[in-house]
N, C-alpha and C. Protein backbone atom coordinates (compact mmCIF):
# COMPACT_ATOMS: atom_id res chain seq x y z
N PRO A 1 80.72 -3.41 -40.20
CA PRO A 1 80.77 -4.54 -39.28
C PRO A 1 79.69 -4.47 -38.20
N GLY A 2 79.32 -3.26 -37.78
CA GLY A 2 78.31 -3.13 -36.73
C GLY A 2 76.95 -3.66 -37.14
N ALA A 3 76.54 -3.34 -38.35
CA ALA A 3 75.23 -3.80 -38.82
C ALA A 3 75.22 -5.32 -39.00
N SER A 4 76.31 -5.88 -39.47
CA SER A 4 76.39 -7.33 -39.63
C SER A 4 76.34 -8.03 -38.27
N ALA A 5 77.03 -7.47 -37.30
CA ALA A 5 77.02 -8.05 -35.96
C ALA A 5 75.62 -7.97 -35.36
N ARG A 6 74.96 -6.84 -35.55
CA ARG A 6 73.59 -6.68 -35.06
C ARG A 6 72.68 -7.72 -35.72
N ALA A 7 72.86 -7.92 -37.01
CA ALA A 7 72.04 -8.90 -37.73
C ALA A 7 72.24 -10.30 -37.16
N GLU A 8 73.48 -10.67 -36.91
CA GLU A 8 73.76 -12.00 -36.36
C GLU A 8 73.09 -12.17 -35.00
N LEU A 9 73.16 -11.14 -34.16
CA LEU A 9 72.52 -11.22 -32.85
C LEU A 9 71.01 -11.34 -32.98
N CYS A 10 70.44 -10.62 -33.92
CA CYS A 10 68.99 -10.71 -34.15
C CYS A 10 68.60 -12.11 -34.61
N VAL A 11 69.39 -12.71 -35.48
CA VAL A 11 69.10 -14.07 -35.93
C VAL A 11 69.12 -15.02 -34.74
N GLN A 12 70.14 -14.91 -33.92
CA GLN A 12 70.26 -15.80 -32.76
C GLN A 12 69.10 -15.64 -31.80
N ALA A 13 68.57 -14.42 -31.70
CA ALA A 13 67.44 -14.15 -30.81
C ALA A 13 66.09 -14.47 -31.46
N GLY A 14 66.12 -14.79 -32.75
CA GLY A 14 64.89 -15.12 -33.45
C GLY A 14 64.16 -13.94 -34.05
N TYR A 15 64.80 -12.79 -34.08
CA TYR A 15 64.21 -11.57 -34.65
C TYR A 15 64.60 -11.46 -36.12
N LEU A 16 63.93 -12.24 -36.94
CA LEU A 16 64.35 -12.36 -38.34
C LEU A 16 64.10 -11.10 -39.16
N ALA A 17 63.01 -10.39 -38.90
CA ALA A 17 62.74 -9.16 -39.65
C ALA A 17 63.80 -8.11 -39.35
N GLN A 18 64.18 -7.99 -38.08
CA GLN A 18 65.22 -7.03 -37.71
C GLN A 18 66.57 -7.45 -38.26
N ALA A 19 66.81 -8.75 -38.31
CA ALA A 19 68.06 -9.25 -38.88
C ALA A 19 68.15 -8.90 -40.35
N ARG A 20 67.04 -9.07 -41.05
CA ARG A 20 67.02 -8.73 -42.48
C ARG A 20 67.31 -7.24 -42.68
N GLU A 21 66.70 -6.40 -41.88
CA GLU A 21 66.94 -4.95 -41.97
C GLU A 21 68.42 -4.64 -41.75
N ALA A 22 69.00 -5.25 -40.73
CA ALA A 22 70.40 -4.99 -40.41
C ALA A 22 71.32 -5.48 -41.53
N TYR A 23 71.02 -6.65 -42.10
CA TYR A 23 71.83 -7.14 -43.22
C TYR A 23 71.70 -6.22 -44.42
N CYS A 24 70.51 -5.72 -44.68
CA CYS A 24 70.33 -4.79 -45.80
C CYS A 24 71.12 -3.51 -45.57
N THR A 25 71.13 -3.03 -44.35
CA THR A 25 71.94 -1.85 -44.01
C THR A 25 73.41 -2.15 -44.24
N ALA A 26 73.86 -3.30 -43.75
CA ALA A 26 75.27 -3.69 -43.91
C ALA A 26 75.64 -3.80 -45.39
N LEU A 27 74.73 -4.34 -46.18
CA LEU A 27 74.98 -4.50 -47.60
C LEU A 27 75.18 -3.14 -48.27
N GLY A 28 74.42 -2.16 -47.84
CA GLY A 28 74.55 -0.82 -48.39
C GLY A 28 75.81 -0.11 -47.96
N LEU A 29 76.41 -0.56 -46.88
CA LEU A 29 77.60 0.11 -46.35
C LEU A 29 78.92 -0.49 -46.82
N THR A 30 78.90 -1.76 -47.21
CA THR A 30 80.16 -2.42 -47.56
C THR A 30 80.50 -2.28 -49.03
N ARG A 31 81.78 -2.23 -49.30
CA ARG A 31 82.29 -2.20 -50.67
C ARG A 31 83.16 -3.43 -50.96
N GLN A 32 83.38 -4.23 -49.92
CA GLN A 32 84.23 -5.41 -50.05
C GLN A 32 83.43 -6.57 -50.63
N LEU A 33 83.89 -7.12 -51.73
CA LEU A 33 83.17 -8.20 -52.41
C LEU A 33 82.95 -9.43 -51.52
N PRO A 34 83.96 -9.91 -50.79
CA PRO A 34 83.71 -11.09 -49.94
C PRO A 34 82.64 -10.82 -48.88
N GLU A 35 82.65 -9.64 -48.31
CA GLU A 35 81.65 -9.30 -47.30
C GLU A 35 80.26 -9.20 -47.94
N ARG A 36 80.19 -8.62 -49.13
CA ARG A 36 78.91 -8.52 -49.85
C ARG A 36 78.34 -9.92 -50.12
N ARG A 37 79.20 -10.83 -50.56
CA ARG A 37 78.76 -12.21 -50.83
C ARG A 37 78.24 -12.88 -49.57
N TYR A 38 78.95 -12.67 -48.47
CA TYR A 38 78.53 -13.25 -47.19
C TYR A 38 77.15 -12.73 -46.80
N ILE A 39 76.97 -11.42 -46.88
CA ILE A 39 75.70 -10.81 -46.49
C ILE A 39 74.58 -11.29 -47.41
N GLU A 40 74.85 -11.35 -48.69
CA GLU A 40 73.84 -11.83 -49.64
C GLU A 40 73.45 -13.27 -49.35
N ARG A 41 74.44 -14.09 -48.98
CA ARG A 41 74.16 -15.48 -48.63
C ARG A 41 73.29 -15.55 -47.38
N ARG A 42 73.63 -14.74 -46.39
CA ARG A 42 72.85 -14.73 -45.15
C ARG A 42 71.41 -14.25 -45.40
N LEU A 43 71.25 -13.26 -46.28
CA LEU A 43 69.90 -12.81 -46.63
C LEU A 43 69.11 -13.93 -47.30
N SER A 44 69.76 -14.68 -48.16
CA SER A 44 69.10 -15.83 -48.81
C SER A 44 68.70 -16.88 -47.78
N GLU A 45 69.57 -17.12 -46.83
CA GLU A 45 69.27 -18.09 -45.78
C GLU A 45 68.08 -17.62 -44.94
N LEU A 46 68.03 -16.33 -44.63
CA LEU A 46 66.91 -15.79 -43.88
C LEU A 46 65.61 -15.94 -44.66
N GLN A 47 65.67 -15.71 -45.94
CA GLN A 47 64.49 -15.86 -46.80
C GLN A 47 63.99 -17.30 -46.73
N ALA A 48 64.90 -18.26 -46.80
CA ALA A 48 64.52 -19.67 -46.73
C ALA A 48 63.90 -20.01 -45.38
N ILE A 49 64.46 -19.47 -44.31
CA ILE A 49 63.92 -19.72 -42.97
C ILE A 49 62.52 -19.13 -42.85
N SER A 50 62.34 -17.95 -43.38
CA SER A 50 61.05 -17.26 -43.29
C SER A 50 59.96 -18.00 -44.05
N GLN A 51 60.33 -18.70 -45.11
CA GLN A 51 59.35 -19.40 -45.93
C GLN A 51 59.00 -20.78 -45.39
N SER A 52 59.77 -21.26 -44.43
CA SER A 52 59.49 -22.61 -43.91
C SER A 52 58.56 -22.58 -42.72
């Protein structure tokens, strides 16, 4: 939960690279499928934002 929270704060502050790092860390730490799906979705959203 800590890495996901950090990622959300980074997104809100506009620090997208740091948010991506934090989401990747969170993804490596979680074993819960719903949480993994959420993090994967957020990573996809960050990718889309970065490309625009």
